[in-house]
Each structure stands twice: as C-alpha cells, then as structure tokens.
Amino acid sequence: LSPLPSVYCDGDICFTTSRIEITPMQSAHLFALGAAFSWTLASIFAHHPVRMLGPLHFNRLRMIIATVILLVMIVLQGGDWHISSDLLLPIIISSLVGVVLGDYFLFVAMRRLGPRRTGVLFAANAPIAALLGWLFLEEGIGGLKIIAICLGFAGICLAVLYGKRRDLLHVWEEITPPLWLGVGAGICAAFGQAIGILILRPVMEGGADPMMTTLVRVGFAAACFCLTWPFDKRPESRLVFPSLKIAGLITANSFFGISFGVVLLLIALETGSVADVTILSSITPVLILPFVWYQTRYCPTWGAWVGAILVCVCSGLLVL
C-alpha cells in the first residue's frame, strides 16, 4: 500500500492529506481472500445436501442453479455477453478438469471425510498450482514466497489435523470407510483445481471477462452433469429437490461456491500470480474453525489456532 499525498487549499490555508492506493497485485490478494471466505460459507451449506443426494446429483443441481444465478447477475450488471472464440477451448478444458472432475471428487471427499478434513486435502492445490505455475508459466518463486507458501500450507494442515477435540462427536467429524477412498478423492480434487487455475491464468491475463468466463465454465459443467442424469439410477437422483431446506442449502452453496466465489477468484487471477492467488484462496480450513466452534459448541484445540496464526503470517508475507 503506497500513500499518495494531496494538497487542498481553502483561501490562504492549505491542508496536506494522503490517500492509500492499492496496487493491482494487492487487490488480487484481497479478491483471493474474499474467494476463500465465500468458499468457507459454501462448504458449510454443502455438507448436509451432499450426504443426502450424493456428489453426482448434488453437483448436477448446484451447477444448474449456479448457471441461472450467473445469468441473472450478468443481466443486472448489464455486462458484455461477448467472449473471444480463441478463449473458449481453454475455458472449456479448465471447466472439464477443474469443475466437472475437480468438484465431483471434492464432494466425494466431503461426503466421506466431512468439511474440515476435506479442507486440508483440497488446500494442497496451492503448492501444486505454485509449482505448476513455475514450471509452465515461468512465474518466479523467490525465497520469501517459498517460506510464505510453506508456512501457509503448514498452518492449514495444523488447523485441520488438530482442529478436533478427542471428546467431540459430531456429524461434521464422521468418516465413511474406506479412508483411502476419501483421501484419494480429496487429492484428485486438489489436482483438478490446480490444473484448472493454471489453464485459466493466461485467459484472465488476456482480458477475459470474469463473469462471462465463469458462466461458460459453469454452463459447460452443468451440461456434462445433466448428460449423466438418464444413467443415474440411484433413488435419491430421481427427486429434483427432496425439501425446501435442501433447495435453499444448494442455492446458497451455488452462489457462494461457484458463482460469486469463482468470480472473485478469476478477478484475482487477472493480475495476481497463480502461487499467490491459490495459497490465499486456500485458507478455508482456517476460516471454518469459528463456524465449527459455533456448530459443535466446543472450542477447537490449540493446534487449530496456531495453524490460523501461521496462515495469517503467510497472507501478510504475500500481500506486503
């Protein structure tokens, strides 16, 4: 943040003031943090419906709703509906890898491990994306940034792995065996998110509209999930919405998860590096701790709070 002095005169008296200018990189960091908070809310709304409907039908419904939400947002904003044909292919590939496959595996993991444990596995997308950005986009990773990324990932691991009290029994902490299936799904989701962001970085840097890009990604994903509907023979997939409560939770998840939250992420990618944006948008496991405290009525352990402090230090090192 750089202060810019300004001089105002009233007659013979002059006042000197200063205002704060936020650089494009710093604004990218703020948008990435906003995406992390939005995804925190989305994960809270997702747990109950994904357990009831299963990851496939849950994703199908949330993509349809998110497409409608984005259409309404673009109409209200009076945005430009044009998107370059040269950008369509990378956007669609990003959707296939990051949204269709990535989100499917994400909610397979959430259904089996709960939102807190899924968070630490999904947070692995940050170092994966930073490494891929260094390998394929030639984004520099200095010594301070490496320390920041390591501190942030260590903090996320502490916050999730030591966020549970031994005497706590709650539906958010249940594990559906086998454990390896949930862990594998979480790692696959992290790779999908990292590769999807890597593909989108040049697209956003080239000036693509964040909201239209999100609409194309989500619309393509919705079409893919709908194509599987006739072959989905499970009883829970026959009902569009089992109840108004489930419909409300899925709608809230759609807005915060893949409408508003993803738009914030893509705005961050316009000027921010893949490494910075992914690590800052991956602090959801830390942000969810106060919600876990409120829901379970138990304060998370010391390890969870130490992890939160490390993530805050990481954010500070990246933003400064």
C-alpha atoms as a PDB file:
ATOM      1  CA  LEU A   1       0.000   0.000   0.000  1.00  0.00           C
ATOM      2  CA  SER A   2       1.508   3.318  -1.029  1.00  0.00           C
ATOM      3  CA  PRO A   3       0.255   6.643   0.410  1.00  0.00           C
ATOM      4  CA  LEU A   4      -0.245   9.418  -2.161  1.00  0.00           C
ATOM      5  CA  PRO A   5      -0.120  12.987  -0.744  1.00  0.00           C
ATOM      6  CA  SER A   6      -2.749  15.508  -1.809  1.00  0.00           C
ATOM      7  CA  VAL A   7      -2.953  19.244  -1.080  1.00  0.00           C
ATOM      8  CA  TYR A   8      -6.237  21.093  -0.561  1.00  0.00           C
ATOM      9  CA  CYS A   9      -6.398  24.875  -0.120  1.00  0.00           C
ATOM     10  CA  ASP A  10      -9.134  26.979   1.473  1.00  0.00           C
ATOM     11  CA  GLY A  11      -8.215  30.562   0.950  1.00  0.00           C
ATOM     12  CA  ASP A  12      -4.777  31.121   2.441  1.00  0.00           C
ATOM     13  CA  ILE A  13      -4.832  27.867   4.381  1.00  0.00           C
ATOM     14  CA  CYS A  14      -3.636  24.634   2.765  1.00  0.00           C
ATOM     15  CA  PHE A  15      -4.114  21.137   4.103  1.00  0.00           C
ATOM     16  CA  THR A  16      -1.957  18.175   3.200  1.00  0.00           C
ATOM     17  CA  THR A  17      -3.650  14.795   3.262  1.00  0.00           C
ATOM     18  CA  SER A  18      -2.814  11.398   1.917  1.00  0.00           C
ATOM     19  CA  ARG A  19      -4.786   8.564   0.429  1.00  0.00           C
ATOM     20  CA  ILE A  20      -3.949   4.896   0.101  1.00  0.00           C
ATOM     21  CA  GLU A  21      -3.561   3.400  -3.347  1.00  0.00           C
ATOM     22  CA  ILE A  22      -3.934  -0.361  -3.698  1.00  0.00           C
ATOM     23  CA  THR A  23      -1.720  -1.876  -6.364  1.00  0.00           C
ATOM     24  CA  PRO A  24      -3.148  -4.426  -8.837  1.00  0.00           C
ATOM     25  CA  MET A  25      -1.231  -7.228  -7.112  1.00  0.00           C
ATOM     26  CA  GLN A  26      -2.560  -6.237  -3.679  1.00  0.00           C
ATOM     27  CA  SER A  27      -6.118  -6.053  -4.996  1.00  0.00           C
ATOM     28  CA  ALA A  28      -5.641  -9.566  -6.412  1.00  0.00           C
ATOM     29  CA  HIS A  29      -4.685 -10.758  -2.924  1.00  0.00           C
ATOM     30  CA  LEU A  30      -7.802  -9.167  -1.429  1.00  0.00           C
ATOM     31  CA  PHE A  31     -10.048 -10.789  -4.042  1.00  0.00           C
ATOM     32  CA  ALA A  32      -8.393 -14.162  -3.364  1.00  0.00           C
ATOM     33  CA  LEU A  33      -9.094 -13.786   0.371  1.00  0.00           C
ATOM     34  CA  GLY A  34     -12.691 -12.884  -0.483  1.00  0.00           C
ATOM     35  CA  ALA A  35     -12.965 -16.060  -2.536  1.00  0.00           C
ATOM     36  CA  ALA A  36     -11.657 -18.075   0.420  1.00  0.00           C
ATOM     37  CA  PHE A  37     -14.330 -16.644   2.731  1.00  0.00           C
ATOM     38  CA  SER A  38     -17.021 -17.234   0.117  1.00  0.00           C
ATOM     39  CA  TRP A  39     -15.924 -20.874  -0.251  1.00  0.00           C
ATOM     40  CA  THR A  40     -15.975 -21.262   3.537  1.00  0.00           C
ATOM     41  CA  LEU A  41     -19.660 -20.406   3.553  1.00  0.00           C
ATOM     42  CA  ALA A  42     -20.228 -22.695   0.567  1.00  0.00           C
ATOM     43  CA  SER A  43     -18.657 -25.696   2.328  1.00  0.00           C
ATOM     44  CA  ILE A  44     -20.901 -25.174   5.351  1.00  0.00           C
ATOM     45  CA  PHE A  45     -24.029 -25.161   3.186  1.00  0.00           C
ATOM     46  CA  ALA A  46     -22.866 -28.212   1.182  1.00  0.00           C
ATOM     47  CA  HIS A  47     -22.310 -30.867   3.841  1.00  0.00           C
ATOM     48  CA  HIS A  48     -25.923 -31.828   4.596  1.00  0.00           C
ATOM     49  CA  PRO A  49     -27.275 -31.945   0.995  1.00  0.00           C
ATOM     50  CA  VAL A  50     -24.245 -33.811  -0.385  1.00  0.00           C
ATOM     51  CA  ARG A  51     -24.715 -36.504   2.280  1.00  0.00           C
ATOM     52  CA  MET A  52     -28.365 -36.862   1.290  1.00  0.00           C
ATOM     53  CA  LEU A  53     -28.093 -36.636  -2.508  1.00  0.00           C
ATOM     54  CA  GLY A  54     -24.617 -37.951  -3.243  1.00  0.00           C
ATOM     55  CA  PRO A  55     -21.862 -35.995  -5.015  1.00  0.00           C
ATOM     56  CA  LEU A  56     -23.117 -36.586  -8.564  1.00  0.00           C
ATOM     57  CA  HIS A  57     -26.706 -35.390  -8.151  1.00  0.00           C
ATOM     58  CA  PHE A  58     -25.636 -32.629  -5.759  1.00  0.00           C
ATOM     59  CA  ASN A  59     -23.190 -31.243  -8.332  1.00  0.00           C
ATOM     60  CA  ARG A  60     -25.807 -31.580 -11.062  1.00  0.00           C
ATOM     61  CA  LEU A  61     -28.300 -29.432  -9.164  1.00  0.00           C
ATOM     62  CA  ARG A  62     -25.776 -26.847  -7.954  1.00  0.00           C
ATOM     63  CA  MET A  63     -24.388 -26.317 -11.465  1.00  0.00           C
ATOM     64  CA  ILE A  64     -27.872 -25.739 -12.883  1.00  0.00           C
ATOM     65  CA  ILE A  65     -28.704 -23.263 -10.127  1.00  0.00           C
ATOM     66  CA  ALA A  66     -25.331 -21.522 -10.448  1.00  0.00           C
ATOM     67  CA  THR A  67     -25.871 -21.079 -14.194  1.00  0.00           C
ATOM     68  CA  VAL A  68     -29.200 -19.355 -13.529  1.00  0.00           C
ATOM     69  CA  ILE A  69     -27.643 -17.166 -10.815  1.00  0.00           C
ATOM     70  CA  LEU A  70     -24.814 -16.086 -13.139  1.00  0.00           C
ATOM     71  CA  LEU A  71     -27.270 -15.268 -15.937  1.00  0.00           C
ATOM     72  CA  VAL A  72     -29.237 -13.045 -13.554  1.00  0.00           C
ATOM     73  CA  MET A  73     -26.042 -11.389 -12.269  1.00  0.00           C
ATOM     74  CA  ILE A  74     -24.857 -10.583 -15.801  1.00  0.00           C
ATOM     75  CA  VAL A  75     -28.278  -9.187 -16.797  1.00  0.00           C
ATOM     76  CA  LEU A  76     -28.454  -6.994 -13.679  1.00  0.00           C
ATOM     77  CA  GLN A  77     -24.898  -5.808 -14.206  1.00  0.00           C
ATOM     78  CA  GLY A  78     -25.537  -5.048 -17.874  1.00  0.00           C
ATOM     79  CA  GLY A  79     -22.360  -6.901 -18.747  1.00  0.00           C
ATOM     80  CA  ASP A  80     -20.919  -7.765 -22.128  1.00  0.00           C
ATOM     81  CA  TRP A  81     -22.042 -11.183 -23.395  1.00  0.00           C
ATOM     82  CA  HIS A  82     -19.165 -11.417 -25.855  1.00  0.00           C
ATOM     83  CA  ILE A  83     -16.241 -13.739 -25.288  1.00  0.00           C
ATOM     84  CA  SER A  84     -13.439 -14.366 -27.765  1.00  0.00           C
ATOM     85  CA  SER A  85     -13.665 -17.667 -29.633  1.00  0.00           C
ATOM     86  CA  ASP A  86      -9.928 -18.145 -29.074  1.00  0.00           C
ATOM     87  CA  LEU A  87     -10.564 -18.358 -25.339  1.00  0.00           C
ATOM     88  CA  LEU A  88     -13.418 -20.878 -25.441  1.00  0.00           C
ATOM     89  CA  LEU A  89     -11.269 -24.008 -25.716  1.00  0.00           C
ATOM     90  CA  PRO A  90      -9.025 -23.293 -22.671  1.00  0.00           C
ATOM     91  CA  ILE A  91     -12.075 -22.217 -20.653  1.00  0.00           C
ATOM     92  CA  ILE A  92     -13.902 -25.462 -21.510  1.00  0.00           C
ATOM     93  CA  ILE A  93     -10.822 -27.583 -20.727  1.00  0.00           C
ATOM     94  CA  SER A  94     -10.490 -25.722 -17.418  1.00  0.00           C
ATOM     95  CA  SER A  95     -14.151 -26.463 -16.691  1.00  0.00           C
ATOM     96  CA  LEU A  96     -13.761 -30.161 -17.510  1.00  0.00           C
ATOM     97  CA  VAL A  97     -10.704 -30.600 -15.295  1.00  0.00           C
ATOM     98  CA  GLY A  98     -11.354 -28.093 -12.518  1.00  0.00           C
ATOM     99  CA  VAL A  99     -15.152 -28.097 -12.209  1.00  0.00           C
ATOM    100  CA  VAL A 100     -16.565 -31.351 -13.616  1.00  0.00           C
ATOM    101  CA  LEU A 101     -13.845 -33.679 -12.298  1.00  0.00           C
ATOM    102  CA  GLY A 102     -12.456 -31.454  -9.531  1.00  0.00           C
ATOM    103  CA  ASP A 103     -15.786 -30.627  -7.900  1.00  0.00           C
ATOM    104  CA  TYR A 104     -17.056 -34.183  -8.236  1.00  0.00           C
ATOM    105  CA  PHE A 105     -14.050 -35.572  -6.363  1.00  0.00           C
ATOM    106  CA  LEU A 106     -14.225 -32.693  -3.863  1.00  0.00           C
ATOM    107  CA  PHE A 107     -17.712 -33.654  -2.762  1.00  0.00           C
ATOM    108  CA  VAL A 108     -16.927 -37.359  -2.786  1.00  0.00           C
ATOM    109  CA  ALA A 109     -14.272 -36.479  -0.206  1.00  0.00           C
ATOM    110  CA  MET A 110     -16.599 -34.174   1.747  1.00  0.00           C
ATOM    111  CA  ARG A 111     -19.299 -36.847   1.955  1.00  0.00           C
ATOM    112  CA  ARG A 112     -16.773 -39.344   3.349  1.00  0.00           C
ATOM    113  CA  LEU A 113     -14.496 -37.134   5.471  1.00  0.00           C
ATOM    114  CA  GLY A 114     -16.532 -34.068   6.391  1.00  0.00           C
ATOM    115  CA  PRO A 115     -15.789 -30.426   5.524  1.00  0.00           C
ATOM    116  CA  ARG A 116     -12.831 -29.953   7.886  1.00  0.00           C
ATOM    117  CA  ARG A 117     -10.717 -32.921   6.768  1.00  0.00           C
ATOM    118  CA  THR A 118     -11.615 -32.317   3.134  1.00  0.00           C
ATOM    119  CA  GLY A 119     -10.268 -28.798   3.525  1.00  0.00           C
ATOM    120  CA  VAL A 120      -6.690 -29.843   4.235  1.00  0.00           C
ATOM    121  CA  LEU A 121      -6.621 -32.184   1.248  1.00  0.00           C
ATOM    122  CA  PHE A 122      -8.112 -29.573  -1.070  1.00  0.00           C
ATOM    123  CA  ALA A 123      -5.653 -26.960   0.234  1.00  0.00           C
ATOM    124  CA  ALA A 124      -2.897 -28.999  -1.396  1.00  0.00           C
ATOM    125  CA  ASN A 125      -3.928 -27.261  -4.632  1.00  0.00           C
ATOM    126  CA  ALA A 126      -1.920 -24.211  -3.503  1.00  0.00           C
ATOM    127  CA  PRO A 127       1.599 -25.683  -3.594  1.00  0.00           C
ATOM    128  CA  ILE A 128       0.619 -27.810  -6.597  1.00  0.00           C
ATOM    129  CA  ALA A 129      -0.540 -24.732  -8.519  1.00  0.00           C
ATOM    130  CA  ALA A 130       2.521 -22.722  -7.452  1.00  0.00           C
ATOM    131  CA  LEU A 131       4.799 -25.491  -8.723  1.00  0.00           C
ATOM    132  CA  LEU A 132       2.875 -25.801 -11.999  1.00  0.00           C
ATOM    133  CA  GLY A 133       2.932 -22.015 -12.441  1.00  0.00           C
ATOM    134  CA  TRP A 134       6.702 -22.050 -12.005  1.00  0.00           C
ATOM    135  CA  LEU A 135       7.124 -24.939 -14.442  1.00  0.00           C
ATOM    136  CA  PHE A 136       4.743 -23.882 -17.214  1.00  0.00           C
ATOM    137  CA  LEU A 137       4.059 -20.136 -16.817  1.00  0.00           C
ATOM    138  CA  GLU A 138       7.569 -19.138 -15.717  1.00  0.00           C
ATOM    139  CA  GLU A 139       6.229 -17.396 -12.619  1.00  0.00           C
ATOM    140  CA  GLY A 140       9.118 -16.625 -10.296  1.00  0.00           C
ATOM    141  CA  ILE A 141       9.130 -18.064  -6.784  1.00  0.00           C
ATOM    142  CA  GLY A 142      11.551 -16.172  -4.553  1.00  0.00           C
ATOM    143  CA  GLY A 143      12.863 -17.288  -1.190  1.00  0.00           C
ATOM    144  CA  LEU A 144      10.339 -15.215   0.795  1.00  0.00           C
ATOM    145  CA  LYS A 145       7.450 -16.568  -1.256  1.00  0.00           C
ATOM    146  CA  ILE A 146       8.628 -20.148  -0.716  1.00  0.00           C
ATOM    147  CA  ILE A 147       8.718 -19.525   3.046  1.00  0.00           C
ATOM    148  CA  ALA A 148       5.247 -17.951   2.908  1.00  0.00           C
ATOM    149  CA  ILE A 149       3.796 -20.874   0.959  1.00  0.00           C
ATOM    150  CA  CYS A 150       5.364 -23.397   3.348  1.00  0.00           C
ATOM    151  CA  LEU A 151       4.060 -21.504   6.399  1.00  0.00           C
ATOM    152  CA  GLY A 152       0.596 -21.233   4.871  1.00  0.00           C
ATOM    153  CA  PHE A 153       0.345 -24.904   3.992  1.00  0.00           C
ATOM    154  CA  ALA A 154       1.759 -25.950   7.401  1.00  0.00           C
ATOM    155  CA  GLY A 155      -0.799 -23.690   9.069  1.00  0.00           C
ATOM    156  CA  ILE A 156      -3.656 -25.179   7.067  1.00  0.00           C
ATOM    157  CA  CYS A 157      -2.526 -28.703   7.970  1.00  0.00           C
ATOM    158  CA  LEU A 158      -2.313 -27.810  11.671  1.00  0.00           C
ATOM    159  CA  ALA A 159      -5.713 -26.116  11.609  1.00  0.00           C
ATOM    160  CA  VAL A 160      -7.407 -29.161  10.103  1.00  0.00           C
ATOM    161  CA  LEU A 161      -5.499 -32.109  11.558  1.00  0.00           C
ATOM    162  CA  TYR A 162      -5.526 -30.699  15.101  1.00  0.00           C
ATOM    163  CA  GLY A 163      -8.847 -28.904  14.907  1.00  0.00           C
ATOM    164  CA  LYS A 164     -10.822 -31.724  16.528  1.00  0.00           C
ATOM    165  CA  ARG A 165     -11.100 -32.499  20.213  1.00  0.00           C
ATOM    166  CA  ARG A 166     -10.900 -36.168  21.146  1.00  0.00           C
ATOM    167  CA  ASP A 167     -14.182 -35.946  23.056  1.00  0.00           C
ATOM    168  CA  LEU A 168     -16.041 -34.346  20.144  1.00  0.00           C
ATOM    169  CA  LEU A 169     -18.675 -36.444  18.361  1.00  0.00           C
ATOM    170  CA  HIS A 170     -20.390 -34.552  15.569  1.00  0.00           C
ATOM    171  CA  VAL A 171     -21.682 -35.320  12.082  1.00  0.00           C
ATOM    172  CA  TRP A 172     -19.019 -32.998  10.610  1.00  0.00           C
ATOM    173  CA  GLU A 173     -16.326 -35.294  12.047  1.00  0.00           C
ATOM    174  CA  GLU A 174     -17.694 -38.641  10.855  1.00  0.00           C
ATOM    175  CA  ILE A 175     -15.584 -40.751   8.453  1.00  0.00           C
ATOM    176  CA  THR A 176     -17.187 -43.150   5.983  1.00  0.00           C
ATOM    177  CA  PRO A 177     -14.791 -46.057   5.321  1.00  0.00           C
ATOM    178  CA  PRO A 178     -12.653 -46.867   3.499  1.00  0.00           C
ATOM    179  CA  LEU A 179     -10.462 -43.917   4.459  1.00  0.00           C
ATOM    180  CA  TRP A 180      -8.208 -44.209   1.404  1.00  0.00           C
ATOM    181  CA  LEU A 181     -11.136 -43.520  -0.931  1.00  0.00           C
ATOM    182  CA  GLY A 182     -11.927 -40.195   0.719  1.00  0.00           C
ATOM    183  CA  VAL A 183      -8.257 -39.179   0.869  1.00  0.00           C
ATOM    184  CA  GLY A 184      -7.711 -40.136  -2.776  1.00  0.00           C
ATOM    185  CA  ALA A 185     -10.771 -38.147  -3.844  1.00  0.00           C
ATOM    186  CA  GLY A 186      -9.538 -35.082  -1.944  1.00  0.00           C
ATOM    187  CA  ILE A 187      -6.113 -35.243  -3.594  1.00  0.00           C
ATOM    188  CA  CYS A 188      -7.721 -35.642  -7.041  1.00  0.00           C
ATOM    189  CA  ALA A 189      -9.864 -32.567  -6.312  1.00  0.00           C
ATOM    190  CA  ALA A 190      -6.745 -30.591  -5.383  1.00  0.00           C
ATOM    191  CA  PHE A 191      -5.011 -31.540  -8.636  1.00  0.00           C
ATOM    192  CA  GLY A 192      -8.139 -30.661 -10.626  1.00  0.00           C
ATOM    193  CA  GLN A 193      -8.380 -27.224  -9.012  1.00  0.00           C
ATOM    194  CA  ALA A 194      -4.662 -26.527  -9.523  1.00  0.00           C
ATOM    195  CA  ILE A 195      -4.679 -27.524 -13.201  1.00  0.00           C
ATOM    196  CA  GLY A 196      -7.913 -25.597 -13.814  1.00  0.00           C
ATOM    197  CA  ILE A 197      -6.400 -22.423 -12.344  1.00  0.00           C
ATOM    198  CA  LEU A 198      -3.208 -22.928 -14.328  1.00  0.00           C
ATOM    199  CA  ILE A 199      -5.185 -23.111 -17.593  1.00  0.00           C
ATOM    200  CA  LEU A 200      -7.248 -20.036 -16.689  1.00  0.00           C
ATOM    201  CA  ARG A 201      -4.333 -17.771 -15.730  1.00  0.00           C
ATOM    202  CA  PRO A 202      -3.372 -16.790 -19.340  1.00  0.00           C
ATOM    203  CA  VAL A 203      -7.077 -16.436 -20.215  1.00  0.00           C
ATOM    204  CA  MET A 204      -7.711 -13.932 -17.415  1.00  0.00           C
ATOM    205  CA  GLU A 205      -4.434 -12.146 -18.039  1.00  0.00           C
ATOM    206  CA  GLY A 206      -5.569 -11.701 -21.646  1.00  0.00           C
ATOM    207  CA  GLY A 207      -8.558  -9.631 -20.545  1.00  0.00           C
ATOM    208  CA  ALA A 208     -11.431 -12.141 -20.469  1.00  0.00           C
ATOM    209  CA  ASP A 209     -14.494 -11.002 -18.537  1.00  0.00           C
ATOM    210  CA  PRO A 210     -14.544 -12.871 -15.174  1.00  0.00           C
ATOM    211  CA  MET A 211     -18.318 -13.239 -15.049  1.00  0.00           C
ATOM    212  CA  MET A 212     -18.692 -14.478 -18.629  1.00  0.00           C
ATOM    213  CA  THR A 213     -15.759 -16.849 -18.135  1.00  0.00           C
ATOM    214  CA  THR A 214     -17.441 -18.247 -15.027  1.00  0.00           C
ATOM    215  CA  LEU A 215     -20.736 -18.619 -16.894  1.00  0.00           C
ATOM    216  CA  VAL A 216     -19.085 -20.607 -19.698  1.00  0.00           C
ATOM    217  CA  ARG A 217     -17.262 -22.867 -17.189  1.00  0.00           C
ATOM    218  CA  VAL A 218     -20.333 -23.493 -15.046  1.00  0.00           C
ATOM    219  CA  GLY A 219     -22.689 -23.844 -18.026  1.00  0.00           C
ATOM    220  CA  PHE A 220     -20.435 -26.463 -19.624  1.00  0.00           C
ATOM    221  CA  ALA A 221     -20.154 -28.329 -16.308  1.00  0.00           C
ATOM    222  CA  ALA A 222     -23.946 -28.230 -15.879  1.00  0.00           C
ATOM    223  CA  ALA A 223     -24.374 -29.735 -19.357  1.00  0.00           C
ATOM    224  CA  CYS A 224     -21.887 -32.511 -18.556  1.00  0.00           C
ATOM    225  CA  PHE A 225     -23.610 -33.415 -15.286  1.00  0.00           C
ATOM    226  CA  CYS A 226     -27.054 -33.318 -16.928  1.00  0.00           C
ATOM    227  CA  LEU A 227     -25.890 -35.757 -19.604  1.00  0.00           C
ATOM    228  CA  THR A 228     -25.305 -38.305 -16.836  1.00  0.00           C
ATOM    229  CA  TRP A 229     -28.813 -37.895 -15.397  1.00  0.00           C
ATOM    230  CA  PRO A 230     -30.550 -40.609 -17.522  1.00  0.00           C
ATOM    231  CA  PHE A 231     -27.887 -43.113 -16.450  1.00  0.00           C
ATOM    232  CA  ASP A 232     -28.071 -42.249 -12.739  1.00  0.00           C
ATOM    233  CA  LYS A 233     -30.330 -44.985 -11.342  1.00  0.00           C
ATOM    234  CA  ARG A 234     -29.954 -44.178  -7.645  1.00  0.00           C
ATOM    235  CA  PRO A 235     -33.265 -43.372  -5.870  1.00  0.00           C
ATOM    236  CA  GLU A 236     -32.007 -40.029  -4.500  1.00  0.00           C
ATOM    237  CA  SER A 237     -31.332 -38.759  -8.031  1.00  0.00           C
ATOM    238  CA  ARG A 238     -34.977 -39.151  -9.022  1.00  0.00           C
ATOM    239  CA  LEU A 239     -36.040 -36.198  -6.864  1.00  0.00           C
ATOM    240  CA  VAL A 240     -35.012 -32.748  -8.029  1.00  0.00           C
ATOM    241  CA  PHE A 241     -35.296 -31.272  -4.524  1.00  0.00           C
ATOM    242  CA  PRO A 242     -36.319 -33.520  -1.583  1.00  0.00           C
ATOM    243  CA  SER A 243     -37.311 -30.467   0.504  1.00  0.00           C
ATOM    244  CA  LEU A 244     -37.279 -26.672   0.564  1.00  0.00           C
ATOM    245  CA  LYS A 245     -34.458 -26.775   3.104  1.00  0.00           C
ATOM    246  CA  ILE A 246     -32.240 -28.812   0.756  1.00  0.00           C
ATOM    247  CA  ALA A 247     -33.127 -26.469  -2.115  1.00  0.00           C
ATOM    248  CA  GLY A 248     -32.130 -23.458  -0.024  1.00  0.00           C
ATOM    249  CA  LEU A 249     -28.826 -25.020   1.045  1.00  0.00           C
ATOM    250  CA  ILE A 250     -27.910 -25.973  -2.541  1.00  0.00           C
ATOM    251  CA  THR A 251     -28.818 -22.486  -3.769  1.00  0.00           C
ATOM    252  CA  ALA A 252     -26.636 -20.884  -1.091  1.00  0.00           C
ATOM    253  CA  ASN A 253     -23.779 -23.233  -1.955  1.00  0.00           C
ATOM    254  CA  SER A 254     -24.180 -22.456  -5.659  1.00  0.00           C
ATOM    255  CA  PHE A 255     -23.970 -18.715  -5.052  1.00  0.00           C
ATOM    256  CA  PHE A 256     -21.022 -18.677  -2.658  1.00  0.00           C
ATOM    257  CA  GLY A 257     -19.199 -21.639  -4.200  1.00  0.00           C
ATOM    258  CA  ILE A 258     -19.320 -21.369  -7.986  1.00  0.00           C
ATOM    259  CA  SER A 259     -20.969 -18.034  -8.751  1.00  0.00           C
ATOM    260  CA  PHE A 260     -19.752 -15.218  -6.516  1.00  0.00           C
ATOM    261  CA  GLY A 261     -16.729 -17.091  -5.141  1.00  0.00           C
ATOM    262  CA  VAL A 262     -15.345 -18.162  -8.519  1.00  0.00           C
ATOM    263  CA  VAL A 263     -15.859 -14.670  -9.974  1.00  0.00           C
ATOM    264  CA  LEU A 264     -13.699 -13.286  -7.149  1.00  0.00           C
ATOM    265  CA  LEU A 265     -11.047 -15.905  -7.899  1.00  0.00           C
ATOM    266  CA  LEU A 266     -10.968 -15.051 -11.612  1.00  0.00           C
ATOM    267  CA  ILE A 267     -10.723 -11.329 -10.869  1.00  0.00           C
ATOM    268  CA  ALA A 268      -7.736 -12.146  -8.655  1.00  0.00           C
ATOM    269  CA  LEU A 269      -6.120 -14.141 -11.475  1.00  0.00           C
ATOM    270  CA  GLU A 270      -6.265 -11.117 -13.803  1.00  0.00           C
ATOM    271  CA  THR A 271      -3.301  -9.503 -12.025  1.00  0.00           C
ATOM    272  CA  GLY A 272      -2.173 -11.987  -9.360  1.00  0.00           C
ATOM    273  CA  SER A 273       0.227 -14.877  -9.801  1.00  0.00           C
ATOM    274  CA  VAL A 274      -1.026 -18.453  -9.572  1.00  0.00           C
ATOM    275  CA  ALA A 275       1.047 -19.073  -6.418  1.00  0.00           C
ATOM    276  CA  ASP A 276      -0.270 -16.029  -4.522  1.00  0.00           C
ATOM    277  CA  VAL A 277      -3.906 -16.464  -5.530  1.00  0.00           C
ATOM    278  CA  THR A 278      -4.082 -20.191  -4.774  1.00  0.00           C
ATOM    279  CA  ILE A 279      -2.445 -20.030  -1.339  1.00  0.00           C
ATOM    280  CA  LEU A 280      -4.599 -17.084  -0.238  1.00  0.00           C
ATOM    281  CA  SER A 281      -7.789 -18.673  -1.554  1.00  0.00           C
ATOM    282  CA  SER A 282      -6.924 -21.940   0.216  1.00  0.00           C
ATOM    283  CA  ILE A 283      -7.284 -20.699   3.801  1.00  0.00           C
ATOM    284  CA  THR A 284     -10.854 -22.005   4.001  1.00  0.00           C
ATOM    285  CA  PRO A 285      -9.910 -24.708   6.576  1.00  0.00           C
ATOM    286  CA  VAL A 286      -8.792 -21.941   8.935  1.00  0.00           C
ATOM    287  CA  LEU A 287     -11.770 -19.679   8.302  1.00  0.00           C
ATOM    288  CA  ILE A 288     -14.164 -22.555   9.007  1.00  0.00           C
ATOM    289  CA  LEU A 289     -12.890 -23.053  12.585  1.00  0.00           C
ATOM    290  CA  PRO A 290     -15.137 -20.392  14.187  1.00  0.00           C
ATOM    291  CA  PHE A 291     -18.113 -21.955  12.431  1.00  0.00           C
ATOM    292  CA  VAL A 292     -17.106 -25.389  13.766  1.00  0.00           C
ATOM    293  CA  TRP A 293     -16.863 -23.855  17.262  1.00  0.00           C
ATOM    294  CA  TYR A 294     -20.350 -22.368  16.957  1.00  0.00           C
ATOM    295  CA  GLN A 295     -21.900 -25.519  15.486  1.00  0.00           C
ATOM    296  CA  THR A 296     -20.369 -28.019  17.922  1.00  0.00           C
ATOM    297  CA  ARG A 297     -20.235 -25.698  20.976  1.00  0.00           C
ATOM    298  CA  TYR A 298     -16.610 -26.840  21.531  1.00  0.00           C
ATOM    299  CA  CYS A 299     -13.607 -24.584  21.115  1.00  0.00           C
ATOM    300  CA  PRO A 300     -11.063 -26.008  18.616  1.00  0.00           C
ATOM    301  CA  THR A 301      -7.738 -27.144  20.053  1.00  0.00           C
ATOM    302  CA  TRP A 302      -4.530 -25.114  20.355  1.00  0.00           C
ATOM    303  CA  GLY A 303      -3.184 -26.668  17.160  1.00  0.00           C
ATOM    304  CA  ALA A 304      -6.074 -25.180  15.200  1.00  0.00           C
ATOM    305  CA  TRP A 305      -5.355 -21.665  16.456  1.00  0.00           C
ATOM    306  CA  VAL A 306      -1.589 -21.963  15.892  1.00  0.00           C
ATOM    307  CA  GLY A 307      -2.375 -23.033  12.358  1.00  0.00           C
ATOM    308  CA  ALA A 308      -4.612 -19.982  11.921  1.00  0.00           C
ATOM    309  CA  ILE A 309      -1.786 -17.686  13.061  1.00  0.00           C
ATOM    310  CA  LEU A 310       0.648 -19.288  10.600  1.00  0.00           C
ATOM    311  CA  VAL A 311      -1.829 -18.772   7.761  1.00  0.00           C
ATOM    312  CA  CYS A 312      -2.242 -15.110   8.746  1.00  0.00           C
ATOM    313  CA  VAL A 313       1.558 -14.701   8.693  1.00  0.00           C
ATOM    314  CA  CYS A 314       1.630 -16.327   5.243  1.00  0.00           C
ATOM    315  CA  SER A 315      -1.047 -13.950   3.999  1.00  0.00           C
ATOM    316  CA  GLY A 316       0.874 -10.979   5.347  1.00  0.00           C
ATOM    317  CA  LEU A 317       4.116 -12.049   3.662  1.00  0.00           C
ATOM    318  CA  LEU A 318       2.350 -12.452   0.319  1.00  0.00           C
ATOM    319  CA  VAL A 319       0.305  -9.244   0.483  1.00  0.00           C
ATOM    320  CA  LEU A 320       3.071  -6.897   1.705  1.00  0.00           C
END
